[in-house]
């Protein structure tokens, strides 16, 4: 199966068309700033632009595409993707968590297995290695533009040197098998944040989005497994931040109970605004706050704005047309048919996917105001010291007015227009995350990083 088909299948799980995952870039190299969208007073525009000239800014979740750095998707050119060094410079983004993860190849034809096989694990590990090599090559090839931040001080130093700071994070314990020592290996290679879960349960933790075609059930482990519990202890010892985005409620509660260091939700939104399991309940947000951690509110449209009734009606008609049974607990963040598409002939899957994308592309996009509404809500619930920002670019993120990293100043303009102070905006953009990172590392003796191969 091709990469495109793999991404398309994955887009079904999160409920967004592929077209929304790769927004078109804008601007030219050397352009000093991006004008916030129309409607802001000139004073707000100028204040937002000026603030980003001296303020640290950090996006805590950007996925590394498997073809990043290849012809047509170069690191140092303004391409069609949502992140590259040109766009980061235009937006004055100081650094980002570039996320390494492995996603098993799901399509094996009509006789696809209903549990992960060793070959699936090998594929997921291969994807991890490819993404790590992409980051390594970026640092090797552009040493005057980008560097790895192994500590908060590194992050600040790189910014002072005019370089983009890469923070290495990892999502999904699935590719690690049952080998706890993989955490040590990846910490030595520079990983500084680890999330147990992605789409689908694994042997470490339950996911907020179990995969029916792997025979997943909600809360199969009842939270963390014994291996997952050991991993919390080891990550604390290594000084690696634990990322609870994507985890089931019970798994998040287990992490909050066991961790002796602050925890982070690297790319999440409030469930009170869109009632889906992938979002955080008020109770879950309080647990993160109580740990001393931070909730990085994500610019992912369907986590911020519920699908409209016309779209839901069309999706229901699509379900009936393809004779699909609704899933238990199905929400508008997941599309109908996840339980059966793994065993469909590929032509039928393509017909279904094309119809689905057509419906979703007609749905009005969420925008900056929806994102800042979510920030407002989260700040109200847990306080300004426990909230940050993320995009989920290259994996479904992107909003009207925030389509790629060149447009981060638009968020700042919206925050200023709502009365946020510059001091508070500084906390949201990087200050709170850097504080948590420092606290996690002080609570442990982090391993020394190895030089990148």
Protein backbone atom coordinates (compact mmCIF):
# COMPACT_ATOMS: atom_id res chain seq x y z
CA UNK A 1 0.00 0.00 0.00
CA UNK A 2 1.30 3.45 -0.83
CA UNK A 3 2.05 6.18 1.69
CA UNK A 4 -0.87 8.19 0.35
CA UNK A 5 -3.29 5.38 1.04
CA UNK A 6 -1.88 4.88 4.52
CA UNK A 7 -2.39 8.56 5.31
CA UNK A 8 -5.89 8.50 3.84
CA UNK A 9 -6.88 5.57 6.04
CA UNK A 10 -5.48 7.32 9.06
CA UNK A 11 -7.37 10.50 8.19
CA UNK A 12 -10.57 8.52 8.52
CA UNK A 13 -9.76 7.70 12.11
CA UNK A 14 -9.40 11.33 13.07
CA UNK A 15 -12.29 12.48 10.92
CA UNK A 16 -10.52 14.94 8.65
CA UNK A 17 -9.92 14.88 4.91
CA UNK A 18 -6.33 14.64 3.77
CA UNK A 19 -6.64 18.04 2.13
CA UNK A 20 -6.90 19.63 5.56
CA UNK A 21 -3.73 17.92 6.75
CA UNK A 22 -1.53 19.59 4.12
CA UNK A 23 -2.40 23.26 3.81
CA UNK A 24 -0.83 25.35 1.09
CA UNK A 25 2.14 27.50 2.14
CA UNK A 26 2.34 31.26 1.65
CA UNK A 27 4.89 34.04 1.65
CA UNK A 28 8.45 34.32 0.35
CA UNK A 29 11.82 33.75 1.99
CA UNK A 30 12.97 36.79 3.89
CA UNK A 31 9.48 38.16 4.50
CA UNK A 32 9.69 39.48 8.02
CA UNK A 33 6.22 38.87 9.32
CA UNK A 34 2.80 37.61 8.46
CA UNK A 35 -0.05 40.07 8.68
CA UNK A 36 -2.80 38.81 11.00
CA UNK A 37 -6.11 38.24 9.27
CA UNK A 38 -8.30 41.23 8.47
CA UNK A 39 -10.27 42.84 11.23
CA UNK A 40 -7.63 43.52 13.88
CA UNK A 41 -6.79 47.13 14.65
CA UNK A 42 -3.39 48.26 13.41
CA UNK A 43 -2.16 48.66 16.99
CA UNK A 44 -2.93 44.98 17.71
CA UNK A 45 -1.17 43.88 14.52
CA UNK A 46 1.94 45.89 15.36
CA UNK A 47 1.96 44.70 18.97
CA UNK A 48 1.68 41.05 17.91
CA UNK A 49 4.49 41.43 15.38
CA UNK A 50 6.72 43.20 17.89
CA UNK A 51 6.05 40.65 20.61
CA UNK A 52 7.21 37.79 18.42
CA UNK A 53 10.49 39.54 17.69
CA UNK A 54 11.65 38.99 21.29
CA UNK A 55 9.33 36.37 22.79
CA UNK A 56 10.08 32.63 22.88
CA UNK A 57 7.41 30.60 21.12
CA UNK A 58 6.96 26.83 21.11
CA UNK A 59 4.60 24.44 19.33
CA UNK A 60 4.41 21.20 21.30
CA UNK A 61 3.22 18.87 18.55
CA UNK A 62 4.24 18.81 14.88
CA UNK A 63 4.43 15.45 13.15
CA UNK A 64 7.48 14.68 11.01
CA UNK A 65 6.25 13.50 7.58
CA UNK A 66 8.05 10.44 6.26
CA UNK A 67 9.01 12.39 3.12
CA UNK A 68 10.18 15.54 4.91
CA UNK A 69 13.46 16.69 3.42
CA UNK A 70 12.92 14.93 0.10
CA UNK A 71 12.63 16.62 -3.30
CA UNK A 72 9.58 18.88 -3.29
CA UNK A 73 9.38 18.86 0.50
CA UNK A 74 12.74 20.37 1.41
CA UNK A 75 13.51 21.52 4.94
CA UNK A 76 14.90 24.89 3.84
CA UNK A 77 12.32 25.79 1.19
CA UNK A 78 8.85 27.22 1.43
CA UNK A 79 7.00 24.13 0.28
CA UNK A 80 3.43 22.90 0.39
CA UNK A 81 3.64 21.43 3.89
CA UNK A 82 2.69 23.15 7.12
CA UNK A 83 6.19 23.25 8.60
CA UNK A 84 9.62 24.07 7.21
CA UNK A 85 12.41 26.39 8.28
CA UNK A 86 11.24 29.18 5.96
CA UNK A 87 7.75 29.25 7.45
CA UNK A 88 9.14 28.99 10.97
CA UNK A 89 11.24 32.07 10.27
CA UNK A 90 8.29 33.97 8.84
CA UNK A 91 6.22 33.29 11.93
CA UNK A 92 9.15 33.74 14.31
CA UNK A 93 8.45 30.32 15.83
CA UNK A 94 11.38 29.68 18.18
CA UNK A 95 11.07 25.90 18.33
CA UNK A 96 8.77 22.92 18.20
CA UNK A 97 8.32 19.37 19.38
CA UNK A 98 8.93 17.32 16.26
CA UNK A 99 7.18 14.08 16.97
CA UNK A 100 8.55 10.65 16.13
CA UNK A 101 5.95 7.94 15.98
CA UNK A 102 5.29 4.64 14.29
CA UNK A 103 1.98 3.67 12.77
CA UNK A 104 1.49 0.01 11.78
CA UNK A 105 0.59 -0.78 8.19
CA UNK A 106 -3.07 -1.75 8.41
CA UNK A 107 -3.91 -2.76 4.88
CA UNK A 108 -3.22 -6.41 4.08
CA UNK A 109 -6.19 -6.96 1.78
CA UNK A 110 -9.44 -8.78 2.51
CA UNK A 111 -7.69 -11.24 4.85
CA UNK A 112 -6.13 -8.58 7.05
CA UNK A 113 -5.35 -9.89 10.55
CA UNK A 114 -7.38 -8.52 13.41
CA UNK A 115 -4.46 -8.19 15.77
CA UNK A 116 -1.06 -6.56 15.22
CA UNK A 117 1.54 -8.98 13.91
CA UNK A 118 5.35 -8.90 14.33
CA UNK A 119 5.47 -7.43 10.84
CA UNK A 120 3.30 -4.55 11.99
CA UNK A 121 5.71 -3.84 14.85
CA UNK A 122 8.67 -3.92 12.46
CA UNK A 123 6.94 -1.43 10.17
CA UNK A 124 6.16 0.91 13.07
CA UNK A 125 9.77 0.75 14.29
CA UNK A 126 10.99 1.46 10.78
CA UNK A 127 8.85 4.59 10.69
CA UNK A 128 10.35 5.71 13.99
CA UNK A 129 13.84 5.32 12.60
CA UNK A 130 13.01 7.14 9.37
CA UNK A 131 11.63 10.10 11.30
CA UNK A 132 14.63 10.17 13.62
CA UNK A 133 16.98 10.12 10.65
CA UNK A 134 15.05 13.00 9.06
CA UNK A 135 15.61 15.11 12.18
CA UNK A 136 19.27 14.06 12.35
CA UNK A 137 19.84 14.99 8.73
CA UNK A 138 18.13 18.36 9.18
CA UNK A 139 20.50 19.26 12.02
CA UNK A 140 23.51 17.93 10.11
CA UNK A 141 22.67 19.73 6.87
CA UNK A 142 21.61 23.08 8.32
CA UNK A 143 23.77 23.60 11.44
CA UNK A 144 23.51 27.38 11.20
CA UNK A 145 19.71 27.31 11.15
CA UNK A 146 18.59 24.53 13.47
CA UNK A 147 19.75 22.54 16.51
CA UNK A 148 18.51 20.01 19.04
CA UNK A 149 17.40 21.28 22.44
CA UNK A 150 18.21 18.66 25.08
CA UNK A 151 17.46 21.05 27.96
CA UNK A 152 15.51 24.28 28.44
CA UNK A 153 18.83 26.12 28.53
CA UNK A 154 19.65 24.66 25.12
CA UNK A 155 16.33 25.97 23.83
CA UNK A 156 17.12 29.49 25.03
CA UNK A 157 20.70 29.31 23.75
CA UNK A 158 19.63 28.20 20.29
CA UNK A 159 17.14 31.04 20.14
CA UNK A 160 19.87 33.48 21.11
CA UNK A 161 21.98 32.11 18.27
CA UNK A 162 19.15 32.68 15.81
CA UNK A 163 18.53 28.96 15.34
CA UNK A 164 15.31 26.96 15.36
CA UNK A 165 15.18 24.65 18.39
CA UNK A 166 14.03 21.08 17.80
CA UNK A 167 12.58 19.30 20.82
CA UNK A 168 12.30 15.56 20.14
CA UNK A 169 9.10 13.90 21.31
CA UNK A 170 7.77 10.41 20.77
CA UNK A 171 4.19 9.22 20.51
CA UNK A 172 2.93 5.64 20.74
CA UNK A 173 4.52 2.88 22.81
CA UNK A 174 3.32 0.27 20.32
CA UNK A 175 6.59 0.09 18.29
CA UNK A 176 8.60 -0.52 21.48
CA UNK A 177 7.05 -3.95 21.97
CA UNK A 178 7.59 -4.98 25.58
CA UNK A 179 11.12 -3.59 25.87
CA UNK A 180 11.33 -1.00 28.64
CA UNK A 181 14.99 -0.35 27.84
CA UNK A 182 13.87 1.30 24.60
CA UNK A 183 12.99 4.32 26.74
CA UNK A 184 16.64 4.59 27.83
CA UNK A 185 17.82 4.25 24.25
CA UNK A 186 15.52 6.98 22.98
CA UNK A 187 16.31 9.27 25.91
CA UNK A 188 19.99 8.97 25.01
CA UNK A 189 19.11 9.85 21.42
CA UNK A 190 17.44 13.06 22.59
CA UNK A 191 13.79 12.18 23.26
CA UNK A 192 12.48 14.54 25.92
CA UNK A 193 8.72 13.80 25.87
CA UNK A 194 6.95 10.45 25.54
CA UNK A 195 3.29 9.69 24.93
CA UNK A 196 2.05 6.15 25.53
CA UNK A 197 -0.91 6.22 23.19
CA UNK A 198 -2.02 6.98 19.71
CA UNK A 199 -5.02 5.64 17.82
CA UNK A 200 -5.54 2.14 19.21
CA UNK A 201 -4.72 0.43 22.48
CA UNK A 202 -1.28 -1.07 22.97
CA UNK A 203 0.32 -3.28 25.60
CA UNK A 204 1.35 -0.29 27.71
CA UNK A 205 -1.86 1.76 27.93
CA UNK A 206 -5.43 2.15 26.74
CA UNK A 207 -6.13 4.76 24.09
CA UNK A 208 -9.00 7.24 24.02
CA UNK A 209 -9.65 5.88 20.51
CA UNK A 210 -9.50 2.06 20.45
CA UNK A 211 -9.42 0.43 17.03
CA UNK A 212 -12.30 -1.98 16.44
CA UNK A 213 -10.56 -3.79 13.58
CA UNK A 214 -7.79 -4.82 16.01
CA UNK A 215 -10.53 -6.14 18.31
CA UNK A 216 -9.82 -3.28 20.69
CA UNK A 217 -12.32 -2.56 23.40
CA UNK A 218 -12.61 0.52 25.53
CA UNK A 219 -10.54 0.29 28.73
CA UNK A 220 -9.20 -3.16 27.84
CA UNK A 221 -6.37 -2.78 30.36
CA UNK A 222 -8.28 -0.64 32.80
CA UNK A 223 -5.74 2.16 32.23
CA UNK A 224 -2.04 1.32 32.34
CA UNK A 225 -0.71 -2.22 32.19
CA UNK A 226 2.02 -3.30 34.66
CA UNK A 227 4.52 -2.49 31.90
CA UNK A 228 3.00 0.96 31.54
CA UNK A 229 3.24 1.51 35.29
CA UNK A 230 6.93 0.60 35.18
CA UNK A 231 7.38 3.01 32.29
CA UNK A 232 6.03 5.93 34.32
CA UNK A 233 8.68 5.30 36.97
CA UNK A 234 11.45 4.96 34.39
CA UNK A 235 10.45 8.09 32.49
CA UNK A 236 10.50 10.05 35.76
CA UNK A 237 13.99 8.71 36.44
CA UNK A 238 15.14 9.67 32.94
CA UNK A 239 13.76 13.20 33.21
CA UNK A 240 11.45 12.65 30.22
CA UNK A 241 8.10 14.47 30.19
CA UNK A 242 5.08 12.16 30.12
CA UNK A 243 2.54 13.16 27.48
CA UNK A 244 -1.05 12.13 28.32
CA UNK A 245 -2.73 13.29 25.10
CA UNK A 246 -4.49 10.39 23.35
CA UNK A 247 -4.76 8.34 26.56
CA UNK A 248 -7.99 6.94 27.95
CA UNK A 249 -9.33 8.58 31.09
CA UNK A 250 -8.31 5.61 33.25
CA UNK A 251 -4.80 5.58 31.80
CA UNK A 252 -4.41 9.33 32.36
CA UNK A 253 -5.60 8.89 35.94
CA UNK A 254 -3.01 6.15 36.46
CA UNK A 255 -0.22 8.39 35.13
CA UNK A 256 -1.33 11.27 37.34
CA UNK A 257 -1.37 8.96 40.36
CA UNK A 258 2.05 7.40 39.70
CA UNK A 259 4.14 10.24 38.29
CA UNK A 260 6.25 12.24 40.71
CA UNK A 261 6.89 14.92 38.06
CA UNK A 262 4.51 17.24 36.19
CA UNK A 263 2.66 15.76 33.20
CA UNK A 264 1.68 17.35 29.90
CA UNK A 265 -1.11 17.01 27.35
CA UNK A 266 0.86 17.96 24.25
CA UNK A 267 -2.09 18.43 21.86
CA UNK A 268 -5.57 18.35 23.36
CA UNK A 269 -8.70 20.44 23.76
CA UNK A 270 -11.54 20.72 26.33
CA UNK A 271 -14.24 18.10 26.17
CA UNK A 272 -16.73 20.70 27.37
CA UNK A 273 -16.54 22.34 23.92
CA UNK A 274 -16.59 19.17 21.80
CA UNK A 275 -17.78 16.10 23.68
CA UNK A 276 -15.46 13.38 22.39
CA UNK A 277 -13.25 10.92 24.25
CA UNK A 278 -10.14 12.35 22.56
CA UNK A 279 -10.68 15.67 24.35
CA UNK A 280 -9.98 16.31 28.02
CA UNK A 281 -12.69 16.46 30.66
CA UNK A 282 -12.57 19.14 33.34
CA UNK A 283 -11.48 16.44 35.81
CA UNK A 284 -8.62 15.34 33.57
CA UNK A 285 -7.47 18.93 33.13
CA UNK A 286 -7.52 19.36 36.90
CA UNK A 287 -5.33 16.26 37.33
CA UNK A 288 -2.79 17.74 34.92
CA UNK A 289 -2.85 21.03 36.81
CA UNK A 290 -2.49 19.26 40.16
CA UNK A 291 0.67 17.57 38.87
CA UNK A 292 2.10 21.01 38.08
CA UNK A 293 1.74 20.27 34.38
CA UNK A 294 0.38 22.04 31.32
CA UNK A 295 -2.39 21.54 28.75
CA UNK A 296 -1.24 22.47 25.25
CA UNK A 297 -4.46 23.48 23.49
CA UNK A 298 -4.38 22.23 19.90
CA UNK A 299 -5.42 23.90 16.65
CA UNK A 300 -7.29 20.86 15.34
CA UNK A 301 -10.65 21.87 13.92
CA UNK A 302 -12.85 18.97 14.94
CA UNK A 303 -11.58 19.03 18.51
CA UNK A 304 -12.60 22.69 18.74
CA UNK A 305 -15.88 22.90 16.84
CA UNK A 306 -18.55 20.18 16.58
CA UNK A 307 -19.62 19.07 13.13
CA UNK A 308 -22.77 20.83 11.96
CA UNK A 309 -26.10 19.02 11.76
CA UNK A 310 -26.15 19.06 7.94
CA UNK A 311 -22.77 17.33 7.90
CA UNK A 312 -23.86 14.80 10.52
CA UNK A 313 -26.99 14.09 8.48
CA UNK A 314 -24.87 13.47 5.38
CA UNK A 315 -22.58 11.16 7.32
CA UNK A 316 -25.57 9.20 8.55
CA UNK A 317 -26.81 8.85 4.98
CA UNK A 318 -23.34 7.64 3.98
CA UNK A 319 -23.43 5.04 6.74
CA UNK A 320 -26.78 3.76 5.50
CA UNK A 321 -25.59 3.75 1.90
CA UNK A 322 -22.66 1.51 2.77
CA UNK A 323 -24.73 -0.62 5.16
CA UNK A 324 -22.52 0.13 8.15
CA UNK A 325 -23.46 -0.42 11.74
CA UNK A 326 -22.82 2.45 14.14
CA UNK A 327 -20.17 1.83 16.76
CA UNK A 328 -20.81 2.00 20.46
CA UNK A 329 -19.88 5.44 21.67
CA UNK A 330 -19.28 6.74 18.15
CA UNK A 331 -18.81 10.50 18.21
CA UNK A 332 -18.44 13.13 15.57
CA UNK A 333 -14.65 12.90 15.84
CA UNK A 334 -14.72 9.43 14.30
CA UNK A 335 -16.34 8.44 11.08
CA UNK A 336 -18.71 5.48 10.60
CA UNK A 337 -17.27 2.27 9.31
CA UNK A 338 -13.97 2.03 11.19
CA UNK A 339 -14.96 -1.46 12.32
CA UNK A 340 -15.18 -2.88 8.84
CA UNK A 341 -13.01 -0.92 6.44
CA UNK A 342 -9.95 -3.04 7.25
CA UNK A 343 -11.56 -5.98 5.44
CA UNK A 344 -13.11 -4.10 2.51
CA UNK A 345 -11.76 -4.50 -1.00
CA UNK A 346 -9.61 -1.50 -1.77
CA UNK A 347 -11.97 -0.18 -4.47
CA UNK A 348 -14.84 -0.09 -1.98
CA UNK A 349 -12.68 1.65 0.56
CA UNK A 350 -11.72 4.24 -2.05
CA UNK A 351 -15.35 4.89 -2.92
CA UNK A 352 -16.22 5.31 0.74
CA UNK A 353 -13.22 7.54 1.47
CA UNK A 354 -13.94 9.77 -1.52
CA UNK A 355 -17.54 10.26 -0.44
CA UNK A 356 -16.48 10.94 3.13
CA UNK A 357 -13.89 13.52 2.15
CA UNK A 358 -16.39 15.25 -0.10
CA UNK A 359 -18.80 15.64 2.80
CA UNK A 360 -16.16 16.90 5.20
CA UNK A 361 -14.70 19.39 2.76
CA UNK A 362 -18.06 21.17 2.69
CA UNK A 363 -18.00 21.62 6.48
CA UNK A 364 -17.04 25.18 7.50
CA UNK A 365 -13.56 25.17 8.96
CA UNK A 366 -12.85 26.07 12.54
CA UNK A 367 -10.84 29.25 12.92
CA UNK A 368 -8.69 31.27 15.28
CA UNK A 369 -11.65 32.34 17.38
CA UNK A 370 -12.55 28.68 18.03
CA UNK A 371 -8.98 27.98 19.15
CA UNK A 372 -8.86 30.96 21.46
CA UNK A 373 -12.31 30.09 22.82
CA UNK A 374 -10.74 26.78 23.87
CA UNK A 375 -7.77 28.60 25.38
CA UNK A 376 -10.16 30.91 27.27
CA UNK A 377 -12.06 27.93 28.66
CA UNK A 378 -8.92 26.07 29.70
CA UNK A 379 -7.41 29.15 31.36
CA UNK A 380 -10.67 29.69 33.25
CA UNK A 381 -10.60 26.10 34.51
CA UNK A 382 -6.93 25.60 35.41
CA UNK A 383 -5.28 29.03 35.34
CA UNK A 384 -2.91 30.80 32.98
CA UNK A 385 0.14 28.95 34.37
CA UNK A 386 -1.09 25.57 33.10
CA UNK A 387 -1.98 26.29 29.46
CA UNK A 388 0.07 26.30 26.27
CA UNK A 389 -0.28 26.00 22.49
CA UNK A 390 0.13 23.35 19.82
CA UNK A 391 -0.86 22.83 16.19
CA UNK A 392 -0.85 19.11 15.29
CA UNK A 393 0.45 20.23 11.90
CA UNK A 394 1.11 17.51 9.34
CA UNK A 395 -1.39 15.26 11.10
CA UNK A 396 -4.72 17.05 10.67
CA UNK A 397 -4.11 20.39 12.38
CA UNK A 398 -4.78 23.69 10.70
CA UNK A 399 -7.44 26.40 10.99
CA UNK A 400 -8.63 29.41 9.08
CA UNK A 401 -6.01 32.00 9.98
CA UNK A 402 -3.60 29.37 11.33
CA UNK A 403 -2.90 27.11 8.38
CA UNK A 404 0.85 26.69 8.97
CA UNK A 405 3.65 27.86 11.26
CA UNK A 406 4.07 31.13 9.38
CA UNK A 407 0.76 32.32 10.87
CA UNK A 408 1.41 31.92 14.60
CA UNK A 409 1.21 35.70 15.10
CA UNK A 410 -2.46 35.56 14.22
CA UNK A 411 -3.08 33.66 17.44
CA UNK A 412 -1.21 36.32 19.37
CA UNK A 413 -3.29 39.04 17.72
CA UNK A 414 -6.49 37.27 18.76
CA UNK A 415 -5.20 36.84 22.32
CA UNK A 416 -4.29 40.53 22.51
CA UNK A 417 -7.70 41.51 21.19
CA UNK A 418 -9.28 39.58 24.07
CA UNK A 419 -7.25 41.36 26.69
CA UNK A 420 -4.47 38.90 27.41
CA UNK A 421 -1.37 40.65 28.68
CA UNK A 422 2.01 40.25 27.03
CA UNK A 423 3.22 38.44 30.15
CA UNK A 424 0.39 35.93 29.90
CA UNK A 425 0.92 35.43 26.17
CA UNK A 426 4.59 34.74 26.87
CA UNK A 427 3.51 32.00 29.29
CA UNK A 428 1.14 30.48 26.75
CA UNK A 429 3.63 30.44 23.90
CA UNK A 430 6.59 28.84 25.70
CA UNK A 431 6.98 29.93 29.31
CA UNK A 432 4.71 27.35 30.89
CA UNK A 433 6.09 24.44 28.90
CA UNK A 434 9.71 25.42 29.65
CA UNK A 435 8.87 25.62 33.35
CA UNK A 436 7.41 22.11 33.31
CA UNK A 437 10.39 20.79 31.34
CA UNK A 438 12.77 22.23 33.93
CA UNK A 439 10.78 20.72 36.79
CA UNK A 440 10.73 17.29 35.15
CA UNK A 441 14.48 17.35 34.63
CA UNK A 442 15.16 18.59 38.17
CA UNK A 443 13.14 15.67 39.54
CA UNK A 444 15.55 13.22 37.90
CA UNK A 445 19.07 12.72 36.67
CA UNK A 446 18.54 12.80 32.91
CA UNK A 447 20.78 10.68 30.76
CA UNK A 448 23.35 12.41 28.65
CA UNK A 449 22.36 12.64 25.03
CA UNK A 450 24.46 10.89 22.43
CA UNK A 451 25.62 12.59 19.31
CA UNK A 452 23.23 12.09 16.44
CA UNK A 453 24.41 9.52 13.91
